[in-house]
Protein backbone atom coordinates (compact mmCIF):
# COMPACT_ATOMS: atom_id res chain seq x y z
CA UNK A 1 119.29 112.13 145.31
CA UNK A 2 119.68 115.96 145.41
CA UNK A 3 121.79 117.61 142.72
CA UNK A 4 125.44 117.73 143.67
CA UNK A 5 125.27 114.94 146.26
CA UNK A 6 127.46 111.90 145.54
CA UNK A 7 127.00 108.44 146.95
CA UNK A 8 129.99 106.27 147.68
CA UNK A 9 130.41 102.59 146.91
CA UNK A 10 133.23 100.77 148.81
CA UNK A 11 134.92 104.16 149.26
CA UNK A 12 136.35 104.29 145.72
CA UNK A 13 133.66 104.80 143.05
CA UNK A 14 131.36 107.78 143.49
CA UNK A 15 127.89 107.91 141.96
CA UNK A 16 127.01 111.56 141.34
CA UNK A 17 124.21 113.46 139.63
CA UNK A 18 125.43 115.44 136.62
CA UNK A 19 125.03 119.11 137.52
CA UNK A 20 125.21 122.06 135.14
CA UNK A 21 128.81 122.57 136.17
CA UNK A 22 129.67 119.00 135.15
CA UNK A 23 128.32 119.20 131.59
CA UNK A 24 131.58 120.10 129.87
CA UNK A 25 133.49 117.31 131.64
CA UNK A 26 130.79 114.84 130.65
CA UNK A 27 130.87 116.16 127.08
CA UNK A 28 134.65 115.62 126.92
CA UNK A 29 134.17 112.05 128.21
CA UNK A 30 131.48 111.21 125.64
CA UNK A 31 133.57 112.67 122.83
CA UNK A 32 136.55 110.55 123.88
CA UNK A 33 134.75 107.33 124.78
CA UNK A 34 131.39 107.11 122.98
CA UNK A 35 131.26 109.10 119.76
CA UNK A 36 134.28 111.10 118.64
CA UNK A 37 132.45 112.38 115.55
CA UNK A 38 130.60 114.76 117.84
CA UNK A 39 132.88 117.49 119.19
CA UNK A 40 132.94 118.23 122.92
CA UNK A 41 131.10 121.47 122.15
CA UNK A 42 128.39 119.58 120.27
CA UNK A 43 128.02 117.08 123.09
CA UNK A 44 127.74 119.90 125.63
CA UNK A 45 125.09 121.64 123.54
CA UNK A 46 123.17 118.37 123.21
CA UNK A 47 123.23 117.62 126.96
CA UNK A 48 121.69 120.99 127.80
CA UNK A 49 118.12 120.74 126.48
CA UNK A 50 116.71 123.59 124.40
CA UNK A 51 113.41 123.61 126.32
CA UNK A 52 112.72 124.92 129.80
CA UNK A 53 112.18 122.28 132.44
CA UNK A 54 112.61 121.64 136.13
CA UNK A 55 115.38 119.06 135.92
CA UNK A 56 116.88 117.44 139.00
CA UNK A 57 120.08 116.73 137.05
CA UNK A 58 121.41 115.94 133.55
CA UNK A 59 121.72 112.25 134.43
CA UNK A 60 124.31 110.47 136.57
CA UNK A 61 128.03 109.80 136.41
CA UNK A 62 130.61 107.53 138.05
CA UNK A 63 133.79 109.09 139.43
CA UNK A 64 137.01 107.23 140.27
CA UNK A 65 139.44 109.61 141.91
CA UNK A 66 139.10 112.76 139.81
CA UNK A 67 138.20 110.88 136.61
CA UNK A 68 134.79 110.28 135.06
CA UNK A 69 134.53 106.56 134.28
CA UNK A 70 130.87 106.30 133.33
CA UNK A 71 127.84 108.43 132.52
CA UNK A 72 124.15 108.06 131.76
CA UNK A 73 122.70 111.25 130.31
CA UNK A 74 119.00 112.03 130.84
CA UNK A 75 116.54 114.61 129.51
CA UNK A 76 113.55 115.75 131.56
CA UNK A 77 110.30 117.34 130.49
CA UNK A 78 106.74 117.89 131.64
CA UNK A 79 104.12 116.95 129.02
CA UNK A 80 100.36 117.14 128.93
CA UNK A 81 98.92 113.63 128.52
CA UNK A 82 95.15 113.67 128.33
CA UNK A 83 93.92 115.84 131.18
CA UNK A 84 97.04 115.57 133.32
CA UNK A 85 100.64 116.78 133.21
CA UNK A 86 103.12 113.89 133.19
CA UNK A 87 106.79 114.09 134.08
CA UNK A 88 109.09 112.34 131.59
CA UNK A 89 112.69 111.21 131.91
CA UNK A 90 114.34 110.22 128.65
CA UNK A 91 117.34 107.91 129.04
CA UNK A 92 120.02 108.86 126.54
CA UNK A 93 123.77 108.26 126.18
CA UNK A 94 125.03 105.44 128.46
CA UNK A 95 128.77 104.85 128.45
CA UNK A 96 130.97 103.12 131.05
CA UNK A 97 134.68 102.36 130.72
CA UNK A 98 135.51 98.66 130.44
CA UNK A 99 137.20 98.40 133.81
CA UNK A 100 134.13 99.80 135.56
CA UNK A 101 131.29 97.94 133.80
CA UNK A 102 130.35 96.25 137.06
CA UNK A 103 129.22 99.65 138.32
CA UNK A 104 127.24 100.56 135.21
CA UNK A 105 123.89 99.40 136.56
CA UNK A 106 124.20 101.86 139.41
CA UNK A 107 123.65 104.65 136.89
CA UNK A 108 120.43 103.11 135.61
CA UNK A 109 119.16 102.31 139.10
CA UNK A 110 119.82 105.90 140.20
CA UNK A 111 117.76 107.25 137.30
CA UNK A 112 114.89 104.80 137.73
CA UNK A 113 114.97 105.31 141.49
CA UNK A 114 113.93 108.94 141.13
CA UNK A 115 110.28 107.97 141.29
CA UNK A 116 107.28 109.46 139.57
CA UNK A 117 108.46 109.69 135.98
CA UNK A 118 107.51 108.03 132.74
CA UNK A 119 110.86 106.76 131.46
CA UNK A 120 111.64 106.49 127.75
CA UNK A 121 114.56 104.78 126.06
CA UNK A 122 114.26 105.63 122.37
CA UNK A 123 117.55 104.25 121.06
CA UNK A 124 118.56 101.29 123.25
CA UNK A 125 121.51 99.28 121.99
CA UNK A 126 121.19 95.53 121.49
CA UNK A 127 122.25 94.42 124.95
CA UNK A 128 120.15 97.10 126.67
CA UNK A 129 116.86 95.84 125.18
CA UNK A 130 116.71 92.57 127.19
CA UNK A 131 117.81 94.44 130.31
CA UNK A 132 114.97 96.92 129.85
CA UNK A 133 112.53 94.05 129.34
CA UNK A 134 113.54 92.58 132.71
CA UNK A 135 112.83 95.98 134.25
CA UNK A 136 109.29 95.94 132.75
CA UNK A 137 109.91 98.40 129.93
CA UNK A 138 107.43 98.02 127.07
CA UNK A 139 108.17 98.15 123.36
CA UNK A 140 106.52 100.85 121.27
CA UNK A 141 105.12 99.82 117.89
CA UNK A 142 107.70 101.26 115.50
CA UNK A 143 106.52 99.72 112.22
CA UNK A 144 108.41 101.80 109.68
CA UNK A 145 108.94 102.16 105.96
CA UNK A 146 112.01 103.48 104.22
CA UNK A 147 110.91 105.79 101.41
CA UNK A 148 113.26 106.50 98.51
CA UNK A 149 113.30 110.27 98.02
CA UNK A 150 112.63 111.27 94.42
CA UNK A 151 112.67 114.75 92.86
CA UNK A 152 109.23 116.13 92.15
CA UNK A 153 108.27 119.55 90.75
CA UNK A 154 106.12 121.65 93.06
CA UNK A 155 104.90 124.21 90.55
CA UNK A 156 101.18 124.02 89.93
CA UNK A 157 100.63 121.82 92.99
CA UNK A 158 99.63 124.57 95.39
CA UNK A 159 102.16 123.12 97.84
CA UNK A 160 104.94 125.17 99.40
CA UNK A 161 107.54 124.22 101.98
CA UNK A 162 108.83 126.74 104.51
CA UNK A 163 112.05 126.36 106.46
CA UNK A 164 112.90 130.00 107.26
CA UNK A 165 112.83 130.23 111.08
CA UNK A 166 111.41 133.76 110.85
CA UNK A 167 108.44 132.49 108.82
CA UNK A 168 107.69 129.11 110.42
CA UNK A 169 106.06 130.61 113.52
CA UNK A 170 103.48 132.45 111.41
CA UNK A 171 101.89 129.22 110.23
CA UNK A 172 101.71 127.17 113.44
CA UNK A 173 98.78 126.72 115.79
CA UNK A 174 99.31 127.17 119.52
CA UNK A 175 100.21 123.53 120.20
CA UNK A 176 102.74 123.21 117.41
CA UNK A 177 104.11 126.68 118.09
CA UNK A 178 105.00 125.60 121.62
CA UNK A 179 106.72 122.49 120.29
CA UNK A 180 108.65 124.56 117.73
CA UNK A 181 109.85 127.11 120.25
CA UNK A 182 110.98 124.33 122.60
CA UNK A 183 112.94 122.59 119.82
CA UNK A 184 114.04 125.43 117.54
CA UNK A 185 117.58 125.25 118.94
CA UNK A 186 117.69 121.50 119.57
CA UNK A 187 120.87 120.31 117.80
CA UNK A 188 119.36 117.27 116.06
CA UNK A 189 115.94 118.70 115.14
CA UNK A 190 115.22 120.09 111.67
CA UNK A 191 111.97 121.92 111.00
CA UNK A 192 109.69 122.63 108.07
CA UNK A 193 106.10 123.62 107.41
CA UNK A 194 104.15 122.26 104.46
CA UNK A 195 101.42 124.59 103.17
CA UNK A 196 98.56 123.72 100.86
CA UNK A 197 95.89 126.36 100.52
CA UNK A 198 95.05 127.54 104.01
CA UNK A 199 96.23 124.28 105.63
CA UNK A 200 99.61 123.78 107.27
CA UNK A 201 101.53 120.77 108.57
CA UNK A 202 104.52 121.14 110.88
CA UNK A 203 107.19 118.46 110.45
CA UNK A 204 110.28 117.73 112.54
CA UNK A 205 112.92 115.37 111.18
CA UNK A 206 116.46 114.37 112.07
CA UNK A 207 119.36 113.33 109.88
CA UNK A 208 120.47 109.75 110.45
CA UNK A 209 123.53 107.67 109.67
CA UNK A 210 123.14 104.11 108.40
CA UNK A 211 126.00 101.97 107.09
CA UNK A 212 128.31 104.94 107.82
CA UNK A 213 126.38 107.10 105.36
CA UNK A 214 124.66 110.23 106.68
CA UNK A 215 122.13 110.44 103.87
CA UNK A 216 118.96 109.37 105.70
CA UNK A 217 116.22 111.17 107.62
CA UNK A 218 113.74 110.04 110.26
CA UNK A 219 110.42 111.79 110.78
CA UNK A 220 109.98 112.69 114.47
CA UNK A 221 106.78 114.75 114.47
CA UNK A 222 103.88 115.36 112.09
CA UNK A 223 101.43 118.11 113.03
CA UNK A 224 98.68 117.20 110.55
CA UNK A 225 98.61 113.53 109.59
CA UNK A 226 96.05 113.99 106.78
CA UNK A 227 97.86 116.88 105.11
CA UNK A 228 101.16 115.05 105.40
CA UNK A 229 99.63 112.08 103.59
CA UNK A 230 98.61 114.39 100.75
CA UNK A 231 101.93 116.21 100.47
CA UNK A 232 104.56 113.73 101.69
CA UNK A 233 106.05 113.23 98.21
CA UNK A 234 106.85 116.96 98.14
CA UNK A 235 108.54 116.66 101.54
CA UNK A 236 110.66 113.73 100.35
CA UNK A 237 111.62 115.65 97.21
CA UNK A 238 112.58 118.66 99.32
CA UNK A 239 114.74 116.54 101.62
CA UNK A 240 116.56 115.18 98.57
CA UNK A 241 117.14 118.45 96.75
CA UNK A 242 117.73 120.70 99.77
CA UNK A 243 119.57 118.37 102.16
CA UNK A 244 120.93 115.57 99.94
CA UNK A 245 118.88 113.00 101.90
CA UNK A 246 118.27 109.95 99.71
CA UNK A 247 115.77 108.06 101.89
CA UNK A 248 113.36 108.84 104.70
CA UNK A 249 112.17 106.58 107.53
CA UNK A 250 108.47 107.11 108.26
CA UNK A 251 106.70 105.22 111.04
CA UNK A 252 103.06 104.20 110.73
CA UNK A 253 102.30 106.23 113.84
CA UNK A 254 102.96 109.37 111.76
CA UNK A 255 101.47 108.54 108.38
CA UNK A 256 99.79 105.87 106.28
CA UNK A 257 102.11 106.65 103.39
CA UNK A 258 103.48 103.80 101.30
CA UNK A 259 104.86 105.08 97.99
CA UNK A 260 105.75 102.59 95.30
CA UNK A 261 109.45 103.03 96.05
CA UNK A 262 109.30 102.22 99.74
CA UNK A 263 110.39 99.24 101.83
CA UNK A 264 108.80 98.05 105.07
CA UNK A 265 111.64 97.27 107.47
CA UNK A 266 111.50 93.83 109.04
CA UNK A 267 113.49 94.80 112.13
CA UNK A 268 112.91 98.45 113.00
CA UNK A 269 115.02 100.00 115.71
CA UNK A 270 113.42 99.39 119.12
CA UNK A 271 111.99 102.16 121.24
CA UNK A 272 110.87 101.48 124.81
CA UNK A 273 109.15 103.09 127.77
CA UNK A 274 108.34 102.38 131.41
CA UNK A 275 105.13 103.75 132.90
CA UNK A 276 101.94 102.69 134.66
CA UNK A 277 100.14 105.89 133.65
CA UNK A 278 100.96 106.41 129.96
CA UNK A 279 100.04 104.21 127.00
CA UNK A 280 102.35 103.46 124.04
CA UNK A 281 100.35 105.74 121.73
CA UNK A 282 100.94 108.65 124.11
CA UNK A 283 104.74 108.39 123.89
CA UNK A 284 106.36 110.51 121.20
CA UNK A 285 109.92 111.36 120.22
CA UNK A 286 110.03 114.99 121.28
CA UNK A 287 111.98 116.27 124.29
CA UNK A 288 114.49 113.44 123.90
CA UNK A 289 117.92 112.52 122.58
CA UNK A 290 116.35 112.08 119.14
CA UNK A 291 115.95 115.85 118.94
CA UNK A 292 119.06 116.74 120.98
CA UNK A 293 121.91 114.42 119.98
CA UNK A 294 122.92 114.69 116.28
CA UNK A 295 124.65 111.31 115.97
């Protein structure tokens, strides 16, 4: 469906792509109806991705009269997978007012009906998971440990951690530099570089809220798995002393790191994708709501 073209259903509920001009209205709706802890300005900043992409829309919305009654936000990107460039559509915030829930699936069908994308859903709520399964979404292996962050002195270790945006770019290779520049302004992405000798590891993490406490972090990207394994305890210490983060969630896909004070979670949060061209190991958490939406 071209941007700006709405499709009617029984003459009363319009299904419309979210255009750039609709972002603030959608942000106001999500602030009022989904998560009031994020201001309308924060929602608007999150909906507009920090990377450049050819996006057909920002998702879809339902309109009753002049009022937004439902939205499904999406993030688009083009990623190199193996020898090809794959188009991704990340399904993000889905919110429909109670009186219009019967129309909610129209939003999902509109997104999935766009064709040649690999679709990711990296934070599906409980009732969305079985729906995704029926639509042939696959689960990604998200085996994860929660590491208790402990203070650790860095002197004498040869390890330094860099968070100054003006310095980070100096220490990144071409691949990680592109990722950093795409995500430097992403509202939920935090960046650091770990240095040891002449080796560097780029790390992206996000702050997370569990049990109403915003004292957790989740690792979203590790540029050098081996160096991270050697220096992870310094990263955890830095997150504690610099950001007040008491525990860090680290998935096995990023590191084989199991400190003594860590707990393997029995029921990690599900992450899902739909594709006939991409394997689970080729799906990451970049260019998604995990880097854009700071909830």
